[in-house]
Amino acid sequence: MTPDLTAPAFPGAVIAAARDAAKSYLRIAETSEDALIETLAASALALAEQFLGRALIVRGFSAVMPVSRGWQRLDAAPVQAITTVTGIPAEGSAFALPADAYAIDIDAEGEGWLRVIAPGTAGRVRVAFTAGAAAEWDDLPAPVRQGVVLLIAYLFAGAGGEAPPAAAGALLRPWRRMRLAGAEHGA
């Protein structure tokens, strides 16, 4: 995911469910560690998303992109909807681009695409969109959930300098999204 992509926080219910799964795995019954485990759950989910190259939980994203008449891919997937495209000029206020000033597409792989046909004074655009593979923690595939739980346990143990458990990577790898360099829309 690029630096111009704003990834929002995970929903509280997802963090709580990941916390509870990790506590069960770690056999922790008391609540004194809940805040720490919730912080670690958010970190583990973000690490899993980076490794997988996809948004796990459906939520709203924002990306700032240069204006281009060629198709540009949004960096989070699978995209559910592209909601707004705002023009950002070098000087002055941002403005909503009219619908006929740009084209959007969501392909069969869930990749979101944008091209700007008539940018007006905009040199860049801000694209708001919704992306994610699952609405809730329980909607994620069991191996992905278990991989995240192993990452939470690894972070909880404070394994300074040690690599994350290989089992976490093995559980997540089948869902990893790979891209070919230079792949273009419609190619």
C-alpha atoms as a PDB file:
ATOM      1  CA  MET A   1       0.000   0.000   0.000  1.00  0.00           C
ATOM      2  CA  THR A   2       1.397   3.380  -0.971  1.00  0.00           C
ATOM      3  CA  PRO A   3       2.068   6.334   1.360  1.00  0.00           C
ATOM      4  CA  ASP A   4      -0.792   8.287  -0.279  1.00  0.00           C
ATOM      5  CA  LEU A   5      -3.312   5.631   0.797  1.00  0.00           C
ATOM      6  CA  THR A   6      -5.129   6.317   4.044  1.00  0.00           C
ATOM      7  CA  ALA A   7      -6.179   3.078   5.740  1.00  0.00           C
ATOM      8  CA  PRO A   8      -8.726   3.595   8.515  1.00  0.00           C
ATOM      9  CA  ALA A   9      -8.755   1.848  11.861  1.00  0.00           C
ATOM     10  CA  PHE A  10     -10.336  -1.555  12.160  1.00  0.00           C
ATOM     11  CA  PRO A  11     -13.866  -1.652  13.618  1.00  0.00           C
ATOM     12  CA  GLY A  12     -13.990  -2.176  17.381  1.00  0.00           C
ATOM     13  CA  ALA A  13     -15.997  -5.393  17.054  1.00  0.00           C
ATOM     14  CA  VAL A  14     -13.291  -6.910  14.827  1.00  0.00           C
ATOM     15  CA  ILE A  15     -10.537  -5.934  17.276  1.00  0.00           C
ATOM     16  CA  ALA A  16     -12.546  -7.386  20.182  1.00  0.00           C
ATOM     17  CA  ALA A  17     -13.134 -10.659  18.326  1.00  0.00           C
ATOM     18  CA  ALA A  18      -9.425 -10.951  17.425  1.00  0.00           C
ATOM     19  CA  ARG A  19      -8.534 -10.171  21.056  1.00  0.00           C
ATOM     20  CA  ASP A  20     -10.871 -12.887  22.307  1.00  0.00           C
ATOM     21  CA  ALA A  21      -9.451 -15.419  19.843  1.00  0.00           C
ATOM     22  CA  ALA A  22      -5.899 -14.573  20.911  1.00  0.00           C
ATOM     23  CA  LYS A  23      -6.804 -14.760  24.614  1.00  0.00           C
ATOM     24  CA  SER A  24      -8.320 -18.185  24.035  1.00  0.00           C
ATOM     25  CA  TYR A  25      -5.195 -19.322  22.170  1.00  0.00           C
ATOM     26  CA  LEU A  26      -2.926 -17.918  24.915  1.00  0.00           C
ATOM     27  CA  ARG A  27      -5.221 -19.304  27.646  1.00  0.00           C
ATOM     28  CA  ILE A  28      -5.665 -15.905  29.275  1.00  0.00           C
ATOM     29  CA  ALA A  29      -8.883 -15.665  31.280  1.00  0.00           C
ATOM     30  CA  GLU A  30      -8.456 -12.345  33.110  1.00  0.00           C
ATOM     31  CA  THR A  31      -9.154  -8.948  31.533  1.00  0.00           C
ATOM     32  CA  SER A  32      -6.062  -7.086  32.788  1.00  0.00           C
ATOM     33  CA  GLU A  33      -4.257  -7.581  29.447  1.00  0.00           C
ATOM     34  CA  ASP A  34      -7.240  -6.705  27.204  1.00  0.00           C
ATOM     35  CA  ALA A  35      -6.075  -3.209  26.218  1.00  0.00           C
ATOM     36  CA  LEU A  36      -2.609  -4.472  25.299  1.00  0.00           C
ATOM     37  CA  ILE A  37      -3.972  -7.428  23.335  1.00  0.00           C
ATOM     38  CA  GLU A  38      -6.387  -5.133  21.456  1.00  0.00           C
ATOM     39  CA  THR A  39      -3.452  -2.912  20.422  1.00  0.00           C
ATOM     40  CA  LEU A  40      -1.525  -5.992  19.322  1.00  0.00           C
ATOM     41  CA  ALA A  41      -4.591  -7.276  17.430  1.00  0.00           C
ATOM     42  CA  ALA A  42      -4.776  -4.027  15.428  1.00  0.00           C
ATOM     43  CA  SER A  43      -1.049  -4.318  14.644  1.00  0.00           C
ATOM     44  CA  ALA A  44      -1.340  -7.998  13.668  1.00  0.00           C
ATOM     45  CA  LEU A  45      -4.302  -7.277  11.373  1.00  0.00           C
ATOM     46  CA  ALA A  46      -2.354  -4.445   9.711  1.00  0.00           C
ATOM     47  CA  LEU A  47       0.702  -6.712   9.295  1.00  0.00           C
ATOM     48  CA  ALA A  48      -1.485  -9.423   7.771  1.00  0.00           C
ATOM     49  CA  GLU A  49      -2.997  -6.902   5.337  1.00  0.00           C
ATOM     50  CA  GLN A  50       0.463  -5.745   4.273  1.00  0.00           C
ATOM     51  CA  PHE A  51       1.665  -9.316   3.783  1.00  0.00           C
ATOM     52  CA  LEU A  52      -1.472 -10.355   1.902  1.00  0.00           C
ATOM     53  CA  GLY A  53      -1.644  -7.190  -0.212  1.00  0.00           C
ATOM     54  CA  ARG A  54      -5.373  -6.920   0.445  1.00  0.00           C
ATOM     55  CA  ALA A  55      -7.761  -5.312   2.888  1.00  0.00           C
ATOM     56  CA  LEU A  56      -9.128  -7.973   5.207  1.00  0.00           C
ATOM     57  CA  ILE A  57     -12.025  -6.097   6.800  1.00  0.00           C
ATOM     58  CA  VAL A  58     -14.422  -3.910   4.794  1.00  0.00           C
ATOM     59  CA  ARG A  59     -13.999  -0.221   5.602  1.00  0.00           C
ATOM     60  CA  GLY A  60     -13.587   3.119   3.872  1.00  0.00           C
ATOM     61  CA  PHE A  61     -10.249   4.131   2.339  1.00  0.00           C
ATOM     62  CA  SER A  62      -8.925   7.307   0.751  1.00  0.00           C
ATOM     63  CA  ALA A  63      -6.140   7.582  -1.829  1.00  0.00           C
ATOM     64  CA  VAL A  64      -4.519  10.646  -3.381  1.00  0.00           C
ATOM     65  CA  MET A  65      -3.341  10.007  -6.931  1.00  0.00           C
ATOM     66  CA  PRO A  66      -1.886  12.100  -9.760  1.00  0.00           C
ATOM     67  CA  VAL A  67      -4.241  13.036 -12.568  1.00  0.00           C
ATOM     68  CA  SER A  68      -3.817  10.626 -15.466  1.00  0.00           C
ATOM     69  CA  ARG A  69      -5.812   9.837 -18.595  1.00  0.00           C
ATOM     70  CA  GLY A  70      -4.449   6.286 -18.323  1.00  0.00           C
ATOM     71  CA  TRP A  71      -5.972   3.751 -15.960  1.00  0.00           C
ATOM     72  CA  GLN A  72      -4.505   3.783 -12.436  1.00  0.00           C
ATOM     73  CA  ARG A  73      -5.032   0.990  -9.906  1.00  0.00           C
ATOM     74  CA  LEU A  74      -6.192   1.715  -6.373  1.00  0.00           C
ATOM     75  CA  ASP A  75      -3.775   0.161  -3.882  1.00  0.00           C
ATOM     76  CA  ALA A  76      -6.323  -1.527  -1.603  1.00  0.00           C
ATOM     77  CA  ALA A  77      -8.429  -4.468  -2.740  1.00  0.00           C
ATOM     78  CA  PRO A  78     -10.850  -6.068  -3.027  1.00  0.00           C
ATOM     79  CA  VAL A  79     -12.725  -2.862  -3.810  1.00  0.00           C
ATOM     80  CA  GLN A  80     -16.440  -2.957  -3.032  1.00  0.00           C
ATOM     81  CA  ALA A  81     -17.336   0.558  -4.239  1.00  0.00           C
ATOM     82  CA  ILE A  82     -15.697   3.772  -5.427  1.00  0.00           C
ATOM     83  CA  THR A  83     -17.738   6.537  -3.822  1.00  0.00           C
ATOM     84  CA  THR A  84     -16.223   9.944  -4.637  1.00  0.00           C
ATOM     85  CA  VAL A  85     -13.502  11.537  -6.746  1.00  0.00           C
ATOM     86  CA  THR A  86     -12.348  14.972  -5.639  1.00  0.00           C
ATOM     87  CA  GLY A  87     -10.050  17.239  -7.673  1.00  0.00           C
ATOM     88  CA  ILE A  88      -7.110  18.773  -5.834  1.00  0.00           C
ATOM     89  CA  PRO A  89      -5.648  21.843  -7.584  1.00  0.00           C
ATOM     90  CA  ALA A  90      -2.158  23.214  -6.895  1.00  0.00           C
ATOM     91  CA  GLU A  91      -3.819  26.314  -5.468  1.00  0.00           C
ATOM     92  CA  GLY A  92      -7.317  26.812  -4.152  1.00  0.00           C
ATOM     93  CA  SER A  93      -9.942  24.533  -2.706  1.00  0.00           C
ATOM     94  CA  ALA A  94     -10.596  20.919  -3.586  1.00  0.00           C
ATOM     95  CA  PHE A  95     -13.718  20.330  -5.680  1.00  0.00           C
ATOM     96  CA  ALA A  96     -15.945  17.415  -6.601  1.00  0.00           C
ATOM     97  CA  LEU A  97     -15.182  16.200 -10.105  1.00  0.00           C
ATOM     98  CA  PRO A  98     -18.331  15.772 -12.177  1.00  0.00           C
ATOM     99  CA  ALA A  99     -19.153  12.150 -13.035  1.00  0.00           C
ATOM    100  CA  ASP A 100     -18.335  12.684 -16.715  1.00  0.00           C
ATOM    101  CA  ALA A 101     -14.818  13.947 -15.847  1.00  0.00           C
ATOM    102  CA  TYR A 102     -13.537  10.514 -14.850  1.00  0.00           C
ATOM    103  CA  ALA A 103     -14.082   6.801 -15.400  1.00  0.00           C
ATOM    104  CA  ILE A 104     -14.017   4.098 -12.744  1.00  0.00           C
ATOM    105  CA  ASP A 105     -14.034   0.322 -12.891  1.00  0.00           C
ATOM    106  CA  ILE A 106     -13.874  -2.605 -10.505  1.00  0.00           C
ATOM    107  CA  ASP A 107     -12.577  -5.688 -12.292  1.00  0.00           C
ATOM    108  CA  ALA A 108     -13.347  -9.349 -11.649  1.00  0.00           C
ATOM    109  CA  GLU A 109     -10.358  -9.618  -9.292  1.00  0.00           C
ATOM    110  CA  GLY A 110     -11.694  -6.783  -7.102  1.00  0.00           C
ATOM    111  CA  GLU A 111      -9.101  -4.288  -8.328  1.00  0.00           C
ATOM    112  CA  GLY A 112     -10.393  -0.708  -8.436  1.00  0.00           C
ATOM    113  CA  TRP A 113      -9.351   1.471 -11.365  1.00  0.00           C
ATOM    114  CA  LEU A 114      -9.598   5.206 -12.119  1.00  0.00           C
ATOM    115  CA  ARG A 115      -8.745   7.444 -15.036  1.00  0.00           C
ATOM    116  CA  VAL A 116      -9.356  11.174 -15.215  1.00  0.00           C
ATOM    117  CA  ILE A 117     -10.720  12.379 -18.540  1.00  0.00           C
ATOM    118  CA  ALA A 118     -11.297  16.086 -17.792  1.00  0.00           C
ATOM    119  CA  PRO A 119      -9.389  17.211 -14.678  1.00  0.00           C
ATOM    120  CA  GLY A 120     -10.163  20.903 -14.884  1.00  0.00           C
ATOM    121  CA  THR A 121      -7.626  22.628 -12.602  1.00  0.00           C
ATOM    122  CA  ALA A 122      -6.847  19.454 -10.634  1.00  0.00           C
ATOM    123  CA  GLY A 123      -3.302  18.120 -10.636  1.00  0.00           C
ATOM    124  CA  ARG A 124      -4.201  15.326  -8.232  1.00  0.00           C
ATOM    125  CA  VAL A 125      -7.381  13.552  -7.157  1.00  0.00           C
ATOM    126  CA  ARG A 126      -8.584  12.112  -3.866  1.00  0.00           C
ATOM    127  CA  VAL A 127     -10.535   8.878  -4.334  1.00  0.00           C
ATOM    128  CA  ALA A 128     -12.799   7.620  -1.548  1.00  0.00           C
ATOM    129  CA  PHE A 129     -13.670   3.941  -1.750  1.00  0.00           C
ATOM    130  CA  THR A 130     -14.690   0.920   0.268  1.00  0.00           C
ATOM    131  CA  ALA A 131     -12.502  -2.170   0.233  1.00  0.00           C
ATOM    132  CA  GLY A 132     -12.203  -5.393   2.168  1.00  0.00           C
ATOM    133  CA  ALA A 133     -12.692  -9.131   1.918  1.00  0.00           C
ATOM    134  CA  ALA A 134     -14.942  -9.650   4.955  1.00  0.00           C
ATOM    135  CA  ALA A 135     -17.403  -7.608   6.988  1.00  0.00           C
ATOM    136  CA  GLU A 136     -16.625  -9.277  10.335  1.00  0.00           C
ATOM    137  CA  TRP A 137     -13.841 -11.299  11.979  1.00  0.00           C
ATOM    138  CA  ASP A 138     -15.840 -14.530  11.684  1.00  0.00           C
ATOM    139  CA  ASP A 139     -16.277 -13.957   7.925  1.00  0.00           C
ATOM    140  CA  LEU A 140     -12.510 -14.291   7.352  1.00  0.00           C
ATOM    141  CA  PRO A 141     -11.255 -17.745   6.317  1.00  0.00           C
ATOM    142  CA  ALA A 142     -10.227 -19.818   9.353  1.00  0.00           C
ATOM    143  CA  PRO A 143      -6.535 -20.010   8.305  1.00  0.00           C
ATOM    144  CA  VAL A 144      -6.363 -16.209   7.994  1.00  0.00           C
ATOM    145  CA  ARG A 145      -7.907 -15.791  11.452  1.00  0.00           C
ATOM    146  CA  GLN A 146      -5.453 -18.327  12.883  1.00  0.00           C
ATOM    147  CA  GLY A 147      -2.504 -16.601  11.175  1.00  0.00           C
ATOM    148  CA  VAL A 148      -3.540 -13.289  12.754  1.00  0.00           C
ATOM    149  CA  VAL A 149      -3.914 -14.982  16.166  1.00  0.00           C
ATOM    150  CA  LEU A 150      -0.376 -16.397  15.847  1.00  0.00           C
ATOM    151  CA  LEU A 151       0.898 -12.900  15.027  1.00  0.00           C
ATOM    152  CA  ILE A 152      -0.892 -11.488  18.095  1.00  0.00           C
ATOM    153  CA  ALA A 153       0.657 -14.217  20.279  1.00  0.00           C
ATOM    154  CA  TYR A 154       4.095 -13.501  18.790  1.00  0.00           C
ATOM    155  CA  LEU A 155       3.738  -9.773  19.519  1.00  0.00           C
ATOM    156  CA  PHE A 156       2.387 -10.502  23.018  1.00  0.00           C
ATOM    157  CA  ALA A 157       5.445 -12.649  23.807  1.00  0.00           C
ATOM    158  CA  GLY A 158       7.672  -9.701  22.887  1.00  0.00           C
ATOM    159  CA  ALA A 159       9.886 -11.867  20.691  1.00  0.00           C
ATOM    160  CA  GLY A 160      12.488  -9.161  20.185  1.00  0.00           C
ATOM    161  CA  GLY A 161      14.693  -9.887  17.211  1.00  0.00           C
ATOM    162  CA  GLU A 162      13.040 -13.203  16.373  1.00  0.00           C
ATOM    163  CA  ALA A 163      11.174 -13.657  13.125  1.00  0.00           C
ATOM    164  CA  PRO A 164       7.397 -14.142  13.304  1.00  0.00           C
ATOM    165  CA  PRO A 165       6.368 -17.804  13.441  1.00  0.00           C
ATOM    166  CA  ALA A 166       6.650 -19.587  10.097  1.00  0.00           C
ATOM    167  CA  ALA A 167       3.209 -21.104  10.715  1.00  0.00           C
ATOM    168  CA  ALA A 168       1.648 -17.613  10.492  1.00  0.00           C
ATOM    169  CA  GLY A 169       3.138 -17.115   7.031  1.00  0.00           C
ATOM    170  CA  ALA A 170       2.093 -20.607   5.957  1.00  0.00           C
ATOM    171  CA  LEU A 171      -1.499 -19.963   7.040  1.00  0.00           C
ATOM    172  CA  LEU A 172      -1.670 -16.578   5.280  1.00  0.00           C
ATOM    173  CA  ARG A 173       0.304 -17.325   2.088  1.00  0.00           C
ATOM    174  CA  PRO A 174      -2.537 -18.986   0.087  1.00  0.00           C
ATOM    175  CA  TRP A 175      -4.542 -15.721   0.335  1.00  0.00           C
ATOM    176  CA  ARG A 176      -1.633 -13.496  -0.681  1.00  0.00           C
ATOM    177  CA  ARG A 177      -2.355 -11.244  -3.649  1.00  0.00           C
ATOM    178  CA  MET A 178       0.468 -11.076  -6.131  1.00  0.00           C
ATOM    179  CA  ARG A 179       0.720  -8.529  -8.932  1.00  0.00           C
ATOM    180  CA  LEU A 180       2.742  -8.604 -12.091  1.00  0.00           C
ATOM    181  CA  ALA A 181       4.921  -5.521 -12.470  1.00  0.00           C
ATOM    182  CA  GLY A 182       3.620  -3.251 -15.190  1.00  0.00           C
ATOM    183  CA  ALA A 183       0.208  -4.953 -15.369  1.00  0.00           C
ATOM    184  CA  GLU A 184      -2.347  -2.606 -16.879  1.00  0.00           C
ATOM    185  CA  HIS A 185      -6.108  -2.402 -16.761  1.00  0.00           C
ATOM    186  CA  GLY A 186      -7.694  -4.658 -19.316  1.00  0.00           C
ATOM    187  CA  ALA A 187      -4.403  -6.509 -19.891  1.00  0.00           C
END
